[in-house]
Amino acid sequence: MRTSIASFVRSCGIALALVVPAFAPAQAAELVMVETQGCSWCARWTEEIGPIFPKTEESRRAPLRRVDIASLPGGDIALTRRVVYTPTFLLVEDGRELGRIEGYPGEDFFWGFLDRLLDDHDIAAPGGAQAVGVPAGTPNG
């Protein structure tokens, strides 16, 4: 009897081990900002967008991770092509580049380019949608 119970428990454990990875959540999307020290456009983005970005819907859809261009190509991102310009914003999901914004076109254009990139790849925020380009908790956010 003890042997059959142990066999049953072992069988269930193996079956569970085979099923659980199938239901593991996919790695969320992220926005990877590729920058380099001394980049004036990177500094401008940091000044104009940096403080507000974590409070926006776009950040909920694709949180920001900053990397130095010297660290690319890295083992954690499969790039579609080499990154040449800084800043370059890579939309990455499951370790794979989906799209990019090369350069920083200024605050007025950045939000539109980012929203289009996120929409084109059906990147949704967890828990529903809200106004884009607006900090969460503001009248329109």
N, C-alpha and C. Protein backbone atom coordinates (compact mmCIF):
# COMPACT_ATOMS: atom_id res chain seq x y z
N MET A 1 0.82 -1.19 0.00
CA MET A 1 0.00 0.00 0.00
C MET A 1 0.87 1.26 0.00
N ARG A 2 1.89 1.25 0.84
CA ARG A 2 2.78 2.40 0.94
C ARG A 2 3.45 2.67 -0.41
N THR A 3 3.85 1.64 -1.13
CA THR A 3 4.49 1.78 -2.43
C THR A 3 3.54 2.40 -3.44
N SER A 4 2.29 1.99 -3.46
CA SER A 4 1.35 2.53 -4.43
C SER A 4 1.02 3.99 -4.13
N ILE A 5 0.97 4.38 -2.86
CA ILE A 5 0.75 5.79 -2.52
C ILE A 5 1.95 6.63 -2.98
N ALA A 6 3.14 6.12 -2.70
CA ALA A 6 4.35 6.84 -3.11
C ALA A 6 4.40 6.96 -4.63
N SER A 7 4.03 5.92 -5.35
CA SER A 7 4.01 5.97 -6.82
C SER A 7 2.99 6.99 -7.31
N PHE A 8 1.83 7.00 -6.67
CA PHE A 8 0.78 7.94 -7.05
C PHE A 8 1.26 9.38 -6.85
N VAL A 9 1.87 9.67 -5.67
CA VAL A 9 2.36 11.02 -5.37
C VAL A 9 3.44 11.42 -6.37
N ARG A 10 4.34 10.49 -6.68
CA ARG A 10 5.39 10.76 -7.65
C ARG A 10 4.79 11.05 -9.03
N SER A 11 3.80 10.28 -9.42
CA SER A 11 3.13 10.48 -10.72
C SER A 11 2.47 11.84 -10.79
N CYS A 12 1.78 12.21 -9.71
CA CYS A 12 1.13 13.53 -9.68
C CYS A 12 2.16 14.64 -9.75
N GLY A 13 3.27 14.47 -9.06
CA GLY A 13 4.33 15.48 -9.07
C GLY A 13 4.91 15.67 -10.45
N ILE A 14 5.12 14.58 -11.16
CA ILE A 14 5.65 14.65 -12.53
C ILE A 14 4.63 15.30 -13.45
N ALA A 15 3.37 14.91 -13.32
CA ALA A 15 2.32 15.51 -14.15
C ALA A 15 2.21 17.00 -13.89
N LEU A 16 2.26 17.38 -12.61
CA LEU A 16 2.18 18.80 -12.25
C LEU A 16 3.37 19.56 -12.80
N ALA A 17 4.55 18.99 -12.73
CA ALA A 17 5.75 19.64 -13.24
C ALA A 17 5.65 19.86 -14.75
N LEU A 18 4.95 18.99 -15.45
CA LEU A 18 4.79 19.14 -16.89
C LEU A 18 3.73 20.17 -17.25
N VAL A 19 2.73 20.35 -16.38
CA VAL A 19 1.62 21.25 -16.66
C VAL A 19 1.91 22.68 -16.24
N VAL A 20 2.54 22.90 -15.11
CA VAL A 20 2.74 24.25 -14.57
C VAL A 20 3.46 25.18 -15.53
N PRO A 21 4.56 24.78 -16.21
CA PRO A 21 5.21 25.72 -17.13
C PRO A 21 4.29 26.19 -18.25
N ALA A 22 3.34 25.39 -18.66
CA ALA A 22 2.42 25.79 -19.72
C ALA A 22 1.54 26.96 -19.29
N PHE A 23 1.33 27.10 -17.98
CA PHE A 23 0.48 28.17 -17.48
C PHE A 23 1.28 29.31 -16.87
N ALA A 24 2.58 29.27 -16.96
CA ALA A 24 3.41 30.36 -16.45
C ALA A 24 3.16 31.60 -17.30
N PRO A 25 3.06 32.78 -16.66
CA PRO A 25 2.78 33.99 -17.43
C PRO A 25 3.94 34.33 -18.35
N ALA A 26 3.61 34.90 -19.51
CA ALA A 26 4.64 35.36 -20.44
C ALA A 26 5.37 36.54 -19.82
N GLN A 27 6.61 36.70 -20.18
CA GLN A 27 7.39 37.83 -19.68
C GLN A 27 6.76 39.11 -20.22
N ALA A 28 6.54 40.07 -19.35
CA ALA A 28 5.88 41.32 -19.74
C ALA A 28 6.76 42.14 -20.67
N ALA A 29 6.11 43.02 -21.40
CA ALA A 29 6.83 43.93 -22.29
C ALA A 29 7.60 44.95 -21.45
N GLU A 30 8.65 45.45 -22.01
CA GLU A 30 9.42 46.53 -21.38
C GLU A 30 9.95 47.45 -22.45
N LEU A 31 10.19 48.68 -22.06
CA LEU A 31 10.80 49.66 -22.94
C LEU A 31 12.25 49.79 -22.49
N VAL A 32 13.16 49.43 -23.35
CA VAL A 32 14.58 49.50 -23.03
C VAL A 32 15.16 50.74 -23.68
N MET A 33 15.65 51.65 -22.85
CA MET A 33 16.29 52.86 -23.35
C MET A 33 17.79 52.59 -23.45
N VAL A 34 18.29 52.61 -24.67
CA VAL A 34 19.72 52.42 -24.90
C VAL A 34 20.35 53.80 -24.94
N GLU A 35 21.32 54.02 -24.07
CA GLU A 35 21.93 55.34 -23.94
C GLU A 35 23.44 55.21 -23.80
N THR A 36 24.09 56.34 -23.78
CA THR A 36 25.53 56.38 -23.54
C THR A 36 25.86 57.63 -22.75
N GLN A 37 26.91 57.55 -21.98
CA GLN A 37 27.33 58.70 -21.18
C GLN A 37 27.72 59.85 -22.11
N GLY A 38 27.27 61.05 -21.77
CA GLY A 38 27.58 62.23 -22.57
C GLY A 38 26.61 62.48 -23.70
N CYS A 39 25.59 61.66 -23.84
CA CYS A 39 24.59 61.84 -24.91
C CYS A 39 23.64 62.97 -24.52
N SER A 40 23.67 64.07 -25.26
CA SER A 40 22.85 65.23 -24.91
C SER A 40 21.36 64.95 -25.10
N TRP A 41 21.00 64.13 -26.10
CA TRP A 41 19.59 63.81 -26.33
C TRP A 41 19.07 62.87 -25.25
N CYS A 42 19.94 62.00 -24.73
CA CYS A 42 19.56 61.14 -23.61
C CYS A 42 19.29 62.00 -22.38
N ALA A 43 20.16 62.98 -22.15
CA ALA A 43 19.98 63.89 -21.01
C ALA A 43 18.69 64.70 -21.16
N ARG A 44 18.40 65.11 -22.38
CA ARG A 44 17.16 65.88 -22.61
C ARG A 44 15.93 65.01 -22.33
N TRP A 45 15.95 63.74 -22.77
CA TRP A 45 14.84 62.82 -22.48
C TRP A 45 14.71 62.64 -20.96
N THR A 46 15.82 62.47 -20.30
CA THR A 46 15.82 62.28 -18.85
C THR A 46 15.21 63.48 -18.14
N GLU A 47 15.51 64.67 -18.64
CA GLU A 47 14.98 65.90 -18.05
C GLU A 47 13.49 66.10 -18.35
N GLU A 48 13.10 65.88 -19.60
CA GLU A 48 11.73 66.17 -20.02
C GLU A 48 10.74 65.05 -19.73
N ILE A 49 11.14 63.81 -19.92
CA ILE A 49 10.23 62.67 -19.81
C ILE A 49 10.51 61.83 -18.57
N GLY A 50 11.76 61.73 -18.20
CA GLY A 50 12.17 60.86 -17.10
C GLY A 50 11.34 60.96 -15.82
N PRO A 51 11.08 62.17 -15.31
CA PRO A 51 10.33 62.26 -14.05
C PRO A 51 8.86 61.83 -14.18
N ILE A 52 8.26 62.00 -15.32
CA ILE A 52 6.83 61.71 -15.48
C ILE A 52 6.59 60.28 -15.98
N PHE A 53 7.55 59.70 -16.69
CA PHE A 53 7.32 58.41 -17.33
C PHE A 53 6.82 57.32 -16.38
N PRO A 54 7.41 57.15 -15.19
CA PRO A 54 6.94 56.08 -14.31
C PRO A 54 5.48 56.23 -13.86
N LYS A 55 4.91 57.41 -14.02
CA LYS A 55 3.54 57.68 -13.58
C LYS A 55 2.51 57.54 -14.71
N THR A 56 2.96 57.16 -15.90
CA THR A 56 2.07 57.13 -17.05
C THR A 56 1.54 55.74 -17.36
N GLU A 57 0.49 55.72 -18.16
CA GLU A 57 -0.07 54.46 -18.66
C GLU A 57 0.96 53.72 -19.51
N GLU A 58 1.75 54.46 -20.28
CA GLU A 58 2.78 53.82 -21.10
C GLU A 58 3.76 53.03 -20.24
N SER A 59 4.09 53.57 -19.08
CA SER A 59 4.99 52.86 -18.17
C SER A 59 4.34 51.60 -17.62
N ARG A 60 3.04 51.63 -17.42
CA ARG A 60 2.33 50.42 -16.97
C ARG A 60 2.32 49.38 -18.08
N ARG A 61 2.25 49.83 -19.31
CA ARG A 61 2.24 48.90 -20.45
C ARG A 61 3.63 48.34 -20.73
N ALA A 62 4.66 49.15 -20.56
CA ALA A 62 6.04 48.74 -20.83
C ALA A 62 6.98 49.54 -19.92
N PRO A 63 7.26 49.02 -18.73
CA PRO A 63 8.15 49.72 -17.81
C PRO A 63 9.54 49.94 -18.43
N LEU A 64 10.18 51.01 -17.99
CA LEU A 64 11.47 51.41 -18.55
C LEU A 64 12.63 50.68 -17.89
N ARG A 65 13.57 50.25 -18.74
CA ARG A 65 14.85 49.74 -18.26
C ARG A 65 15.91 50.44 -19.09
N ARG A 66 16.93 50.97 -18.43
CA ARG A 66 17.97 51.71 -19.12
C ARG A 66 19.22 50.84 -19.23
N VAL A 67 19.83 50.82 -20.42
CA VAL A 67 21.07 50.08 -20.62
C VAL A 67 22.06 50.93 -21.40
N ASP A 68 23.32 50.71 -21.16
CA ASP A 68 24.36 51.42 -21.89
C ASP A 68 24.60 50.71 -23.23
N ILE A 69 24.81 51.49 -24.27
CA ILE A 69 25.00 50.91 -25.60
C ILE A 69 26.19 49.95 -25.64
N ALA A 70 27.17 50.17 -24.78
CA ALA A 70 28.35 49.30 -24.76
C ALA A 70 28.00 47.88 -24.30
N SER A 71 26.86 47.73 -23.62
CA SER A 71 26.47 46.40 -23.14
C SER A 71 25.70 45.60 -24.20
N LEU A 72 25.45 46.22 -25.35
CA LEU A 72 24.73 45.53 -26.43
C LEU A 72 25.72 44.99 -27.45
N PRO A 73 25.44 43.94 -28.16
CA PRO A 73 24.24 43.13 -27.95
C PRO A 73 24.38 42.31 -26.68
N GLY A 74 23.34 42.34 -25.89
CA GLY A 74 23.32 41.58 -24.65
C GLY A 74 22.67 40.23 -24.87
N GLY A 75 22.84 39.37 -23.94
CA GLY A 75 22.26 38.04 -24.05
C GLY A 75 20.78 38.00 -23.78
N ASP A 76 20.22 39.07 -23.22
CA ASP A 76 18.80 39.01 -22.84
C ASP A 76 17.86 39.65 -23.85
N ILE A 77 18.38 40.24 -24.93
CA ILE A 77 17.52 40.85 -25.96
C ILE A 77 17.97 40.38 -27.34
N ALA A 78 17.03 39.80 -28.07
CA ALA A 78 17.28 39.43 -29.46
C ALA A 78 16.93 40.65 -30.32
N LEU A 79 17.94 41.36 -30.80
CA LEU A 79 17.74 42.58 -31.58
C LEU A 79 17.42 42.25 -33.03
N THR A 80 16.60 43.11 -33.67
CA THR A 80 16.32 42.94 -35.09
C THR A 80 17.47 43.47 -35.94
N ARG A 81 18.18 44.45 -35.38
CA ARG A 81 19.38 45.00 -36.03
C ARG A 81 20.19 45.73 -34.97
N ARG A 82 21.41 46.07 -35.31
CA ARG A 82 22.33 46.73 -34.39
C ARG A 82 21.80 48.11 -33.98
N VAL A 83 22.02 48.46 -32.73
CA VAL A 83 21.67 49.80 -32.24
C VAL A 83 22.85 50.72 -32.53
N VAL A 84 22.57 51.82 -33.24
CA VAL A 84 23.62 52.75 -33.65
C VAL A 84 23.50 54.08 -32.91
N TYR A 85 22.27 54.55 -32.72
CA TYR A 85 22.03 55.89 -32.18
C TYR A 85 21.58 55.82 -30.73
N THR A 86 21.93 56.87 -29.97
CA THR A 86 21.40 57.00 -28.62
C THR A 86 20.70 58.34 -28.51
N PRO A 87 19.56 58.38 -27.84
CA PRO A 87 18.92 57.19 -27.29
C PRO A 87 18.17 56.42 -28.37
N THR A 88 18.07 55.13 -28.16
CA THR A 88 17.17 54.26 -28.93
C THR A 88 16.29 53.58 -27.92
N PHE A 89 14.99 53.56 -28.19
CA PHE A 89 14.01 52.94 -27.29
C PHE A 89 13.53 51.66 -27.95
N LEU A 90 13.82 50.53 -27.30
CA LEU A 90 13.45 49.22 -27.83
C LEU A 90 12.23 48.71 -27.08
N LEU A 91 11.21 48.32 -27.81
CA LEU A 91 10.07 47.64 -27.20
C LEU A 91 10.40 46.16 -27.23
N VAL A 92 10.51 45.55 -26.04
CA VAL A 92 10.96 44.17 -25.91
C VAL A 92 9.90 43.36 -25.18
N GLU A 93 9.63 42.17 -25.70
CA GLU A 93 8.73 41.24 -25.02
C GLU A 93 9.30 39.84 -25.17
N ASP A 94 9.30 39.11 -24.08
CA ASP A 94 9.86 37.75 -24.07
C ASP A 94 11.29 37.72 -24.62
N GLY A 95 12.06 38.79 -24.32
CA GLY A 95 13.45 38.84 -24.73
C GLY A 95 13.68 39.14 -26.20
N ARG A 96 12.61 39.54 -26.90
CA ARG A 96 12.68 39.76 -28.35
C ARG A 96 12.26 41.18 -28.67
N GLU A 97 13.05 41.86 -29.49
CA GLU A 97 12.70 43.22 -29.91
C GLU A 97 11.49 43.18 -30.83
N LEU A 98 10.48 43.99 -30.47
CA LEU A 98 9.28 44.11 -31.31
C LEU A 98 9.35 45.33 -32.22
N GLY A 99 9.99 46.38 -31.75
CA GLY A 99 10.07 47.63 -32.50
C GLY A 99 10.97 48.60 -31.77
N ARG A 100 11.18 49.75 -32.39
CA ARG A 100 12.08 50.74 -31.78
C ARG A 100 11.75 52.15 -32.21
N ILE A 101 12.20 53.08 -31.37
CA ILE A 101 12.21 54.51 -31.69
C ILE A 101 13.68 54.90 -31.65
N GLU A 102 14.20 55.38 -32.77
CA GLU A 102 15.60 55.78 -32.81
C GLU A 102 15.69 57.28 -32.63
N GLY A 103 16.44 57.69 -31.62
CA GLY A 103 16.59 59.10 -31.31
C GLY A 103 15.47 59.58 -30.41
N TYR A 104 15.58 60.82 -30.00
CA TYR A 104 14.55 61.46 -29.17
C TYR A 104 14.03 62.66 -29.94
N PRO A 105 12.79 62.58 -30.45
CA PRO A 105 12.24 63.64 -31.29
C PRO A 105 11.66 64.82 -30.52
N GLY A 106 11.81 64.83 -29.22
CA GLY A 106 11.20 65.86 -28.39
C GLY A 106 9.94 65.33 -27.74
N GLU A 107 9.55 65.98 -26.66
CA GLU A 107 8.42 65.52 -25.86
C GLU A 107 7.13 65.38 -26.66
N ASP A 108 6.83 66.35 -27.50
CA ASP A 108 5.56 66.34 -28.24
C ASP A 108 5.43 65.13 -29.16
N PHE A 109 6.51 64.72 -29.80
CA PHE A 109 6.47 63.59 -30.72
C PHE A 109 6.70 62.26 -30.03
N PHE A 110 7.48 62.25 -28.95
CA PHE A 110 7.83 60.99 -28.28
C PHE A 110 6.59 60.20 -27.87
N TRP A 111 5.63 60.87 -27.23
CA TRP A 111 4.44 60.16 -26.74
C TRP A 111 3.66 59.53 -27.88
N GLY A 112 3.51 60.23 -28.97
CA GLY A 112 2.79 59.68 -30.12
C GLY A 112 3.49 58.48 -30.73
N PHE A 113 4.82 58.58 -30.87
CA PHE A 113 5.58 57.44 -31.40
C PHE A 113 5.48 56.24 -30.47
N LEU A 114 5.60 56.48 -29.16
CA LEU A 114 5.53 55.39 -28.21
C LEU A 114 4.15 54.75 -28.18
N ASP A 115 3.11 55.57 -28.17
CA ASP A 115 1.74 55.03 -28.18
C ASP A 115 1.50 54.17 -29.41
N ARG A 116 1.96 54.63 -30.55
CA ARG A 116 1.76 53.86 -31.78
C ARG A 116 2.52 52.53 -31.71
N LEU A 117 3.74 52.57 -31.20
CA LEU A 117 4.55 51.36 -31.07
C LEU A 117 3.85 50.35 -30.16
N LEU A 118 3.34 50.81 -29.04
CA LEU A 118 2.64 49.94 -28.10
C LEU A 118 1.34 49.39 -28.70
N ASP A 119 0.59 50.27 -29.37
CA ASP A 119 -0.67 49.85 -29.99
C ASP A 119 -0.44 48.87 -31.14
N ASP A 120 0.58 49.12 -31.96
CA ASP A 120 0.87 48.25 -33.09
C ASP A 120 1.19 46.82 -32.66
N HIS A 121 1.68 46.68 -31.43
CA HIS A 121 2.06 45.36 -30.93
C HIS A 121 1.10 44.86 -29.84
N ASP A 122 -0.07 45.52 -29.73
CA ASP A 122 -1.11 45.10 -28.79
C ASP A 122 -0.58 44.93 -27.37
N ILE A 123 0.23 45.88 -26.93
CA ILE A 123 0.76 45.84 -25.56
C ILE A 123 -0.23 46.57 -24.66
N ALA A 124 -0.87 45.83 -23.78
CA ALA A 124 -1.87 46.40 -22.88
C ALA A 124 -1.32 46.47 -21.47
N ALA A 125 -1.84 47.41 -20.71
CA ALA A 125 -1.47 47.52 -19.30
C ALA A 125 -2.20 46.45 -18.52
N PRO A 126 -1.57 45.92 -17.50
CA PRO A 126 -2.28 44.97 -16.66
C PRO A 126 -3.45 45.66 -15.95
N GLY A 127 -4.59 45.03 -15.93
CA GLY A 127 -5.73 45.57 -15.20
C GLY A 127 -6.57 46.59 -15.94
N GLY A 128 -6.41 46.73 -17.24
CA GLY A 128 -7.29 47.64 -17.99
C GLY A 128 -6.57 48.84 -18.53
N ALA A 129 -7.30 49.65 -19.27
CA ALA A 129 -6.72 50.81 -19.96
C ALA A 129 -7.13 52.11 -19.31
N GLN A 130 -6.37 53.13 -19.56
CA GLN A 130 -6.70 54.49 -19.17
C GLN A 130 -6.09 55.42 -20.20
N ALA A 131 -6.27 56.72 -20.02
CA ALA A 131 -5.76 57.69 -20.99
C ALA A 131 -4.25 57.53 -21.14
N VAL A 132 -3.75 57.68 -22.38
CA VAL A 132 -2.32 57.53 -22.64
C VAL A 132 -1.64 58.88 -22.56
N GLY A 133 -0.36 58.86 -22.17
CA GLY A 133 0.44 60.07 -22.09
C GLY A 133 0.06 60.96 -20.91
N VAL A 134 -0.74 60.41 -19.99
CA VAL A 134 -1.22 61.18 -18.85
C VAL A 134 -0.85 60.42 -17.58
N PRO A 135 -0.30 61.09 -16.59
CA PRO A 135 0.07 60.38 -15.37
C PRO A 135 -1.16 59.76 -14.72
N ALA A 136 -0.98 58.57 -14.18
CA ALA A 136 -2.06 57.91 -13.44
C ALA A 136 -2.44 58.79 -12.26
N GLY A 137 -3.73 58.90 -11.99
CA GLY A 137 -4.19 59.69 -10.86
C GLY A 137 -4.50 61.13 -11.19
N THR A 138 -4.23 61.58 -12.41
CA THR A 138 -4.58 62.94 -12.80
C THR A 138 -5.99 62.91 -13.36
N PRO A 139 -6.65 64.05 -13.55
CA PRO A 139 -8.05 64.06 -13.99
C PRO A 139 -8.33 63.22 -15.23
N ASN A 140 -7.40 63.16 -16.19
CA ASN A 140 -7.63 62.36 -17.40
C ASN A 140 -6.95 61.00 -17.32
N GLY A 141 -6.30 60.66 -16.21
CA GLY A 141 -5.54 59.42 -16.13
C GLY A 141 -6.08 58.40 -15.23
